[in-house]
Amino acid sequence: MDIDALRKDTPGTANRVHLNNAGAGLLSRQTLAAMTSHLELEAAIGGYEAALQERDRIDETYTHIARLVGGRADEIALFDNSTHAWNAAFYSMAFEPGDRILTGRAEYGSNVLAYLQVARRTGAEVVVVPDDESGQLDTAALANLIDERTKLVGVSHIPTSGGLINPAADIGRITRAAGVPFLLDATQSVGQFPVDVAEIGCDMLTATGRKFLRGPRGIGFLWVRPEALEYLDPFVCEIEAATWDGERGFTWHDGARRFETWEVSYSNVLGLHTAVVQALDLGLDQIGKRVVALGAYLRDRLEALPGVTTYDLGRDRCAIVTAKVDALPTADVAAALAQRGINVSTTTPEHTQFDTENRGVHPLVRLSPHYYNTEDELDQAVEVIAEVARTAG
């Protein structure tokens, strides 16, 4: 990769050391231009008219996202965020008393709350699959827990609170063999390295534009395997999802678009279009190699510091690095980094409830580099953390 050119194409790198890509990546100039030009077009000729004029590029967005995850355009639905995309899949399933929802300790907080709500409403049971000795989801335990009562396996590919990469393809092989639906939250993985739904074997996948894809906030998507439409009954029905039959009934639209709603920000759609094309042009293999290497470099340097502990689990780890200064509140560490112009975020106990129950280590400082970051920028962050650790000690 030509890192200098990529940084020139990313205005935010001139102002900050941005190590919060697990929160929101920095927009490229092309993505910014795609969004602002569409807003200018809406202002000049009208919102409906602008959408009509850009219809081809809007439709291309589905094709490019499908290429990104290894699916087809008719298997993609767009949403205003990934949580709504995930909800569209999960709440479209029918649960009954005695049904079991299997998930992992690294599951995202909003997903956990949804599981608990449905369990309260329906009498279904939420079962947390234990971790193996490395800290990733124990696939042997998962296989043993699946039985005739299992209605869904829902897993976060990468947790919001650490560098763990869960073994999604191994989980997919187990669920396919058992005939159990598999919902994968790929919010932190799509855009960070190659994600292929056929290789993974999931039935539903959700992702966002704003993180490692470097798209805008306010856009996400759902991929649905066609066979899954047989047991998914969209919980919202409106004119983008279905067609009135002329009497007192309706017919769902073909494919995944039956989960969409009519209104959408086309500026965000076209921003996502540009960001996805950029990722595809760079190559997800190359992106993955670089970001994983940056994460490993940062993790190794932090682990070498006295008074600093890292907390990333799993056999395979990504660009997300979590750490704590042993003698200092996490908020103070994040504030010290912010004062030096270094963007990071912090984990919270509520965002990974089952992990919190198991480890009790949160809050942690979360640093998440992307391919446009440099080793020098990572060294700057390490030096600040080393300085505050020395002061605290």
Protein backbone atom coordinates (compact mmCIF):
# COMPACT_ATOMS: atom_id res chain seq x y z
CA MET A 1 0.00 0.00 0.00
CA ASP A 2 1.08 3.57 -0.67
CA ILE A 3 0.51 4.80 2.88
CA ASP A 4 1.54 8.38 2.11
CA ALA A 5 -1.04 8.60 -0.69
CA LEU A 6 -3.72 7.03 1.49
CA ARG A 7 -3.03 9.54 4.24
CA LYS A 8 -3.19 12.46 1.81
CA ASP A 9 -6.55 11.09 0.73
CA THR A 10 -7.70 11.05 4.39
CA PRO A 11 -8.03 14.63 5.68
CA GLY A 12 -8.38 13.60 9.32
CA THR A 13 -4.84 12.23 9.50
CA ALA A 14 -3.51 15.78 9.30
CA ASN A 15 -5.28 16.76 12.52
CA ARG A 16 -5.23 13.77 14.84
CA VAL A 17 -3.69 10.39 15.50
CA HIS A 18 -6.87 8.43 14.90
CA LEU A 19 -6.83 5.12 16.79
CA ASN A 20 -10.59 4.83 17.13
CA ASN A 21 -11.47 3.01 13.92
CA ALA A 22 -13.47 0.44 15.87
CA GLY A 23 -15.71 3.40 16.69
CA ALA A 24 -15.69 5.22 13.36
CA GLY A 25 -13.05 5.26 10.64
CA LEU A 26 -11.91 8.45 8.94
CA LEU A 27 -13.67 9.34 5.67
CA SER A 28 -11.62 9.56 2.50
CA ARG A 29 -11.84 12.61 0.26
CA GLN A 30 -13.72 10.55 -2.35
CA THR A 31 -16.33 9.40 0.15
CA LEU A 32 -16.78 12.91 1.46
CA ALA A 33 -17.13 14.23 -2.10
CA ALA A 34 -19.71 11.57 -3.00
CA MET A 35 -21.84 12.54 -0.01
CA THR A 36 -21.58 16.31 -0.30
CA SER A 37 -22.15 16.32 -4.05
CA HIS A 38 -25.38 14.37 -3.58
CA LEU A 39 -26.55 16.79 -0.89
CA GLU A 40 -25.80 19.65 -3.26
CA LEU A 41 -27.78 17.87 -5.98
CA GLU A 42 -30.73 17.45 -3.60
CA ALA A 43 -30.54 21.14 -2.77
CA ALA A 44 -30.39 22.07 -6.47
CA ILE A 45 -33.11 19.84 -7.96
CA GLY A 46 -34.96 18.20 -5.07
CA GLY A 47 -34.51 15.06 -3.00
CA TYR A 48 -36.76 12.74 -5.03
CA GLU A 49 -35.32 14.01 -8.28
CA ALA A 50 -31.74 13.58 -7.09
CA ALA A 51 -32.44 9.98 -6.05
CA LEU A 52 -33.94 9.29 -9.48
CA GLN A 53 -30.93 10.81 -11.23
CA GLU A 54 -28.53 8.70 -9.16
CA ARG A 55 -30.60 5.50 -9.33
CA ASP A 56 -27.94 3.48 -11.13
CA ARG A 57 -25.24 4.28 -8.57
CA ILE A 58 -27.65 3.63 -5.71
CA ASP A 59 -28.46 0.22 -7.16
CA GLU A 60 -24.76 -0.48 -7.68
CA THR A 61 -24.29 -0.16 -3.93
CA TYR A 62 -26.06 -3.49 -3.40
CA THR A 63 -23.81 -5.13 -5.99
CA HIS A 64 -20.61 -3.82 -4.40
CA ILE A 65 -21.66 -4.84 -0.88
CA ALA A 66 -22.51 -8.29 -2.22
CA ARG A 67 -18.99 -8.56 -3.68
CA LEU A 68 -17.59 -7.46 -0.34
CA VAL A 69 -19.20 -10.33 1.59
CA GLY A 70 -19.43 -12.95 -1.15
CA GLY A 71 -23.18 -12.81 -1.74
CA ARG A 72 -25.61 -11.52 -4.37
CA ALA A 73 -27.18 -8.10 -4.69
CA ASP A 74 -30.69 -9.42 -4.01
CA GLU A 75 -29.43 -10.80 -0.67
CA ILE A 76 -28.56 -7.30 0.65
CA ALA A 77 -30.80 -4.88 2.55
CA LEU A 78 -29.76 -1.37 3.60
CA PHE A 79 -30.56 0.23 6.95
CA ASP A 80 -29.81 3.43 8.80
CA ASN A 81 -27.49 1.53 11.13
CA SER A 82 -26.23 -1.97 11.84
CA THR A 83 -28.31 -2.37 15.00
CA HIS A 84 -31.50 -1.93 12.99
CA ALA A 85 -30.13 -4.37 10.42
CA TRP A 86 -29.46 -6.91 13.18
CA ASN A 87 -32.88 -6.29 14.74
CA ALA A 88 -34.54 -6.81 11.36
CA ALA A 89 -33.07 -10.31 11.21
CA PHE A 90 -33.45 -11.33 14.85
CA TYR A 91 -36.97 -10.02 15.49
CA SER A 92 -38.17 -11.66 12.28
CA MET A 93 -37.74 -15.06 13.91
CA ALA A 94 -40.57 -16.67 15.87
CA PHE A 95 -39.64 -17.98 19.33
CA GLU A 96 -41.71 -20.17 21.62
CA PRO A 97 -41.41 -21.39 25.22
CA GLY A 98 -38.50 -23.80 25.51
CA ASP A 99 -36.64 -22.51 22.45
CA ARG A 100 -32.96 -21.85 23.05
CA ILE A 101 -30.81 -18.96 21.82
CA LEU A 102 -27.11 -19.83 21.96
CA THR A 103 -24.57 -17.02 22.06
CA GLY A 104 -21.02 -16.30 23.22
CA ARG A 105 -19.47 -14.37 26.08
CA ALA A 106 -18.22 -11.75 23.63
CA GLU A 107 -21.71 -10.89 22.34
CA TYR A 108 -22.47 -7.20 21.83
CA GLY A 109 -24.59 -5.54 24.50
CA SER A 110 -27.53 -4.53 22.30
CA ASN A 111 -27.80 -8.08 20.96
CA VAL A 112 -27.79 -9.45 24.50
CA LEU A 113 -30.60 -7.11 25.52
CA ALA A 114 -32.63 -8.25 22.51
CA TYR A 115 -32.11 -11.91 23.45
CA LEU A 116 -33.20 -11.19 27.01
CA GLN A 117 -36.27 -9.27 25.86
CA VAL A 118 -37.42 -12.05 23.56
CA ALA A 119 -36.76 -14.61 26.29
CA ARG A 120 -38.92 -12.57 28.68
CA ARG A 121 -41.70 -12.23 26.09
CA THR A 122 -41.78 -15.78 24.79
CA GLY A 123 -40.33 -18.10 27.42
CA ALA A 124 -37.27 -18.87 25.28
CA GLU A 125 -33.95 -19.46 27.02
CA VAL A 126 -30.65 -17.66 26.47
CA VAL A 127 -27.66 -20.01 26.78
CA VAL A 128 -24.12 -18.60 26.94
CA VAL A 129 -21.57 -20.89 25.31
CA PRO A 130 -18.35 -20.96 27.37
CA ASP A 131 -14.99 -19.83 26.05
CA ASP A 132 -12.12 -22.23 25.40
CA GLU A 133 -8.72 -21.85 27.04
CA SER A 134 -7.74 -19.09 24.59
CA GLY A 135 -10.81 -16.99 25.31
CA GLN A 136 -12.64 -17.55 22.01
CA LEU A 137 -16.00 -19.29 21.76
CA ASP A 138 -15.56 -22.99 22.53
CA THR A 139 -16.81 -24.75 19.40
CA ALA A 140 -16.79 -28.17 21.04
CA ALA A 141 -19.04 -26.85 23.79
CA LEU A 142 -21.27 -25.24 21.16
CA ALA A 143 -21.67 -28.54 19.33
CA ASN A 144 -22.60 -30.28 22.57
CA LEU A 145 -25.14 -27.60 23.52
CA ILE A 146 -27.05 -27.67 20.23
CA ASP A 147 -30.14 -29.85 20.41
CA GLU A 148 -33.69 -29.97 19.07
CA ARG A 149 -34.61 -26.95 21.21
CA THR A 150 -31.96 -24.68 19.65
CA LYS A 151 -33.66 -22.03 17.52
CA LEU A 152 -30.72 -19.70 16.84
CA VAL A 153 -26.98 -19.31 17.26
CA GLY A 154 -26.06 -15.62 17.43
CA VAL A 155 -22.39 -14.60 17.63
CA SER A 156 -20.33 -11.44 17.37
CA HIS A 157 -17.44 -12.11 14.99
CA ILE A 158 -15.28 -9.56 16.83
CA PRO A 159 -16.41 -8.10 20.16
CA THR A 160 -16.65 -4.37 20.65
CA SER A 161 -14.37 -4.71 23.66
CA GLY A 162 -11.26 -6.50 22.40
CA GLY A 163 -9.08 -7.95 19.68
CA LEU A 164 -10.60 -11.45 19.70
CA ILE A 165 -11.65 -12.96 16.35
CA ASN A 166 -14.23 -15.65 17.02
CA PRO A 167 -13.95 -18.82 14.84
CA ALA A 168 -16.94 -17.95 12.64
CA ALA A 169 -16.31 -20.58 9.95
CA ASP A 170 -16.05 -23.35 12.56
CA ILE A 171 -19.30 -22.14 14.10
CA GLY A 172 -20.88 -22.16 10.65
CA ARG A 173 -19.88 -25.75 10.00
CA ILE A 174 -21.52 -26.79 13.26
CA THR A 175 -24.75 -24.87 12.66
CA ARG A 176 -25.06 -26.08 9.05
CA ALA A 177 -24.62 -29.69 10.13
CA ALA A 178 -27.29 -29.21 12.82
CA GLY A 179 -29.68 -27.24 10.59
CA VAL A 180 -29.72 -24.31 13.06
CA PRO A 181 -29.85 -20.67 11.86
CA PHE A 182 -26.65 -18.68 12.44
CA LEU A 183 -26.77 -14.89 12.81
CA LEU A 184 -23.32 -13.27 12.64
CA ASP A 185 -22.71 -9.74 13.86
CA ALA A 186 -19.80 -8.70 11.63
CA THR A 187 -19.84 -5.03 12.58
CA GLN A 188 -16.17 -4.99 13.55
CA SER A 189 -14.89 -7.45 10.94
CA VAL A 190 -16.32 -6.31 7.58
CA GLY A 191 -13.77 -3.90 6.15
CA GLN A 192 -11.00 -5.04 8.49
CA PHE A 193 -10.22 -8.31 6.65
CA PRO A 194 -11.94 -10.64 4.14
CA VAL A 195 -15.38 -11.85 5.23
CA ASP A 196 -17.09 -14.43 2.99
CA VAL A 197 -20.58 -15.65 3.87
CA ALA A 198 -20.16 -18.85 1.85
CA GLU A 199 -16.94 -19.73 3.63
CA ILE A 200 -18.38 -18.85 7.03
CA GLY A 201 -21.69 -20.60 6.48
CA CYS A 202 -23.85 -18.08 8.32
CA ASP A 203 -27.49 -17.52 7.42
CA MET A 204 -27.64 -13.81 8.27
CA LEU A 205 -24.86 -11.24 8.58
CA THR A 206 -24.98 -7.61 9.66
CA ALA A 207 -22.39 -4.84 9.35
CA THR A 208 -21.97 -1.08 9.49
CA GLY A 209 -20.46 1.50 7.18
CA ARG A 210 -18.82 3.70 9.79
CA LYS A 211 -16.08 1.50 11.24
CA PHE A 212 -13.37 -0.28 9.26
CA LEU A 213 -15.18 0.31 5.95
CA ARG A 214 -14.56 4.04 6.50
CA GLY A 215 -18.04 4.94 5.33
CA PRO A 216 -20.38 7.50 6.90
CA ARG A 217 -22.29 7.15 10.12
CA GLY A 218 -25.98 6.32 9.72
CA ILE A 219 -25.74 3.41 7.28
CA GLY A 220 -25.57 -0.36 7.74
CA PHE A 221 -26.62 -3.52 5.94
CA LEU A 222 -28.00 -7.01 6.31
CA TRP A 223 -27.13 -10.04 4.21
CA VAL A 224 -29.66 -12.89 4.20
CA ARG A 225 -29.21 -16.36 2.73
CA PRO A 226 -32.21 -16.97 0.40
CA GLU A 227 -33.14 -20.17 2.23
CA ALA A 228 -33.47 -18.18 5.46
CA LEU A 229 -36.41 -16.25 4.00
CA GLU A 230 -38.51 -19.36 4.58
CA TYR A 231 -38.41 -18.89 8.36
CA LEU A 232 -37.93 -15.12 8.62
CA ASP A 233 -41.14 -13.07 8.80
CA PRO A 234 -40.16 -9.37 8.70
CA PHE A 235 -41.51 -7.64 11.80
CA VAL A 236 -42.15 -4.39 9.89
CA CYS A 237 -44.31 -4.31 6.78
CA GLU A 238 -44.43 -1.18 4.64
CA ILE A 239 -44.37 -0.07 1.03
CA GLU A 240 -40.66 -0.81 0.47
CA ALA A 241 -41.09 -4.30 1.90
CA ALA A 242 -44.31 -5.56 0.35
CA THR A 243 -46.94 -4.98 -2.32
CA TRP A 244 -50.67 -4.71 -1.66
CA ASP A 245 -52.55 -7.44 -3.51
CA GLY A 246 -55.60 -5.29 -4.33
CA GLU A 247 -57.75 -6.79 -1.59
CA ARG A 248 -56.82 -7.11 2.09
CA GLY A 249 -53.50 -8.88 1.76
CA PHE A 250 -49.95 -8.29 0.55
CA THR A 251 -46.96 -10.05 -0.98
CA TRP A 252 -43.44 -9.66 0.32
CA HIS A 253 -40.93 -8.26 -2.15
CA ASP A 254 -38.36 -10.70 -3.45
CA GLY A 255 -35.07 -11.16 -1.63
CA ALA A 256 -33.67 -9.26 1.30
CA ARG A 257 -35.21 -5.91 0.41
CA ARG A 258 -38.40 -7.04 2.12
CA PHE A 259 -36.62 -6.01 5.33
CA GLU A 260 -36.01 -2.42 4.22
CA THR A 261 -37.99 0.73 4.88
CA TRP A 262 -38.73 3.23 2.15
CA GLU A 263 -36.92 6.26 3.54
CA VAL A 264 -33.12 6.28 3.52
CA SER A 265 -30.33 8.85 3.36
CA TYR A 266 -29.09 8.53 -0.20
CA SER A 267 -26.12 10.70 0.64
CA ASN A 268 -25.09 8.00 3.12
CA VAL A 269 -25.84 5.25 0.62
CA LEU A 270 -23.57 6.85 -1.96
CA GLY A 271 -20.92 7.45 0.68
CA LEU A 272 -21.05 3.75 1.53
CA HIS A 273 -20.91 2.93 -2.20
CA THR A 274 -17.63 4.84 -2.51
CA ALA A 275 -16.13 3.43 0.70
CA VAL A 276 -16.91 -0.16 -0.30
CA VAL A 277 -15.40 0.33 -3.76
CA GLN A 278 -12.25 1.76 -2.19
CA ALA A 279 -11.95 -1.26 0.12
CA LEU A 280 -12.45 -3.65 -2.80
CA ASP A 281 -9.89 -1.79 -4.91
CA LEU A 282 -7.30 -1.87 -2.13
CA GLY A 283 -8.03 -5.54 -1.52
CA LEU A 284 -9.35 -6.97 1.73
CA ASP A 285 -6.44 -9.39 1.89
CA GLN A 286 -3.97 -6.52 1.86
CA ILE A 287 -6.05 -4.48 4.30
CA GLY A 288 -6.29 -7.45 6.64
CA LYS A 289 -2.56 -8.13 6.62
CA ARG A 290 -1.72 -4.54 7.43
CA VAL A 291 -4.28 -3.90 10.15
CA VAL A 292 -3.57 -7.18 11.94
CA ALA A 293 0.15 -6.40 11.81
CA LEU A 294 -0.44 -2.92 13.22
CA GLY A 295 -2.57 -4.38 15.99
CA ALA A 296 0.13 -6.92 16.86
CA TYR A 297 2.83 -4.23 16.85
CA LEU A 298 0.81 -2.02 19.19
CA ARG A 299 -0.13 -4.91 21.47
CA ASP A 300 3.47 -6.09 21.76
CA ARG A 301 4.72 -2.61 22.62
CA LEU A 302 2.06 -2.09 25.28
CA GLU A 303 2.70 -5.50 26.82
CA ALA A 304 6.34 -4.53 27.25
CA LEU A 305 5.48 -1.49 29.39
CA PRO A 306 5.76 -1.75 33.19
CA GLY A 307 2.42 -1.20 34.89
CA VAL A 308 0.37 -1.81 31.72
CA THR A 309 -1.72 -4.90 30.98
CA THR A 310 -3.41 -5.88 27.72
CA TYR A 311 -6.63 -7.90 27.72
CA ASP A 312 -7.22 -9.23 24.20
CA LEU A 313 -8.39 -12.84 24.01
CA GLY A 314 -8.42 -15.58 21.38
CA ARG A 315 -6.08 -17.53 19.15
CA ASP A 316 -6.51 -15.03 16.32
CA ARG A 317 -6.50 -11.30 17.05
CA CYS A 318 -7.30 -8.24 14.99
CA ALA A 319 -6.44 -4.54 14.98
CA ILE A 320 -8.38 -3.79 18.17
CA VAL A 321 -6.14 -3.58 21.24
CA THR A 322 -7.43 -3.18 24.80
CA ALA A 323 -5.26 -2.25 27.76
CA LYS A 324 -5.29 -0.83 31.25
CA VAL A 325 -2.75 1.14 33.27
CA ASP A 326 -2.74 -0.83 36.49
CA ALA A 327 -2.68 2.13 38.89
CA LEU A 328 -4.78 4.67 36.98
CA PRO A 329 -8.48 4.98 36.05
CA THR A 330 -9.11 4.18 32.39
CA ALA A 331 -10.86 7.50 31.84
CA ASP A 332 -7.70 9.34 32.92
CA VAL A 333 -5.59 7.39 30.43
CA ALA A 334 -8.02 8.15 27.60
CA ALA A 335 -8.03 11.83 28.60
CA ALA A 336 -4.22 11.96 28.55
CA LEU A 337 -4.21 10.53 25.03
CA ALA A 338 -6.88 12.99 23.90
CA GLN A 339 -4.81 15.90 25.23
CA ARG A 340 -2.03 14.81 22.87
CA GLY A 341 -4.40 14.62 19.91
CA ILE A 342 -4.74 10.83 19.96
CA ASN A 343 -8.23 9.44 19.44
CA VAL A 344 -9.15 6.30 21.39
CA SER A 345 -12.26 5.02 23.13
CA THR A 346 -13.00 3.03 26.26
CA THR A 347 -14.93 -0.17 26.82
CA THR A 348 -17.87 -0.30 29.21
CA PRO A 349 -19.19 -3.22 31.26
CA GLU A 350 -22.66 -2.86 29.74
CA HIS A 351 -21.46 -3.32 26.15
CA THR A 352 -20.31 -6.92 26.71
CA GLN A 353 -22.34 -8.09 29.68
CA PHE A 354 -21.40 -11.77 29.59
CA ASP A 355 -17.70 -10.98 29.25
CA THR A 356 -18.04 -8.58 32.18
CA GLU A 357 -19.61 -11.33 34.28
CA ASN A 358 -16.74 -13.62 33.39
CA ARG A 359 -13.72 -11.30 33.69
CA GLY A 360 -14.74 -8.01 35.31
CA VAL A 361 -11.91 -6.10 33.62
CA HIS A 362 -13.86 -3.24 32.02
CA PRO A 363 -13.46 -0.34 31.46
CA LEU A 364 -10.38 -0.63 29.27
CA VAL A 365 -8.68 1.75 26.85
CA ARG A 366 -9.52 0.59 23.32
CA LEU A 367 -7.05 1.48 20.56
CA SER A 368 -7.90 0.46 17.01
CA PRO A 369 -5.54 1.42 14.17
CA HIS A 370 -6.37 1.15 10.48
CA TYR A 371 -4.21 0.79 7.39
CA TYR A 372 -3.62 4.54 7.07
CA ASN A 373 -2.04 4.69 10.53
CA THR A 374 1.74 4.52 10.85
CA GLU A 375 4.04 2.80 13.31
CA ASP A 376 5.19 6.26 14.37
CA GLU A 377 1.63 7.13 15.39
CA LEU A 378 1.38 3.93 17.39
CA ASP A 379 4.68 4.78 19.07
CA GLN A 380 3.26 8.17 20.06
CA ALA A 381 0.31 6.48 21.77
CA VAL A 382 2.59 3.99 23.53
CA GLU A 383 4.82 6.81 24.80
CA VAL A 384 1.84 8.66 26.31
CA ILE A 385 0.62 5.50 28.03
CA ALA A 386 4.14 4.77 29.26
CA GLU A 387 4.38 8.30 30.66
CA VAL A 388 1.08 8.13 32.55
CA ALA A 389 2.00 4.66 33.84
CA ARG A 390 5.30 5.98 35.18
CA THR A 391 3.52 8.91 36.83
CA ALA A 392 0.86 6.66 38.34
CA GLY A 393 3.49 4.22 39.61
